[in-house]
Amino acid sequence: MEKDNKRKQIGAWLIEYEGIIRIVFYLLITIICTIFVIRNWCEVTTFTFFSNFNGRNLLFLVWIALLLLPILGSFEAFGLKMDFWGKQNKDALEKAKEEYERKIVETEQKQREIEEQSKKAGEGDV
């Protein structure tokens, strides 16, 4: 029973703070990329994609995309869909949370009914 309560608490915490976790993760990646781009500015801005492939050029483009992502809000390309503000996922998360809570209540009610039936059966035998 305590395990279920802990799982409920962790699930509720993740749902409640999902937006904050996403923003912190985004900021962390952006800061790391920014530090790398600034330290390697000369190599990153050469743009030699075809003669000598330099993966750092690609990282520079990813850094630019990371900087533009909050401005655009959502992005879709090459089958990859990103929704920075999580507007589309928010409704789905709320529905999943409600369904999860409803199932927990149903399970608890069934457990109570089973306990009551077992008590009544135990009283009937005596």
Foldseek 3Di string as FASTA:
>chain_A
DVVVVVVLVVLVVCLVCVLVVLVVVLVVVLVVLVVVCVVCVVVLPPPPCDPDRDCSVVSVVVNVCSVCCVVVQWDDDPNDTDGNRCPVVNVVSVVVNVVVVVVVVVVVVVVVVVVVVVVVVVVVVD
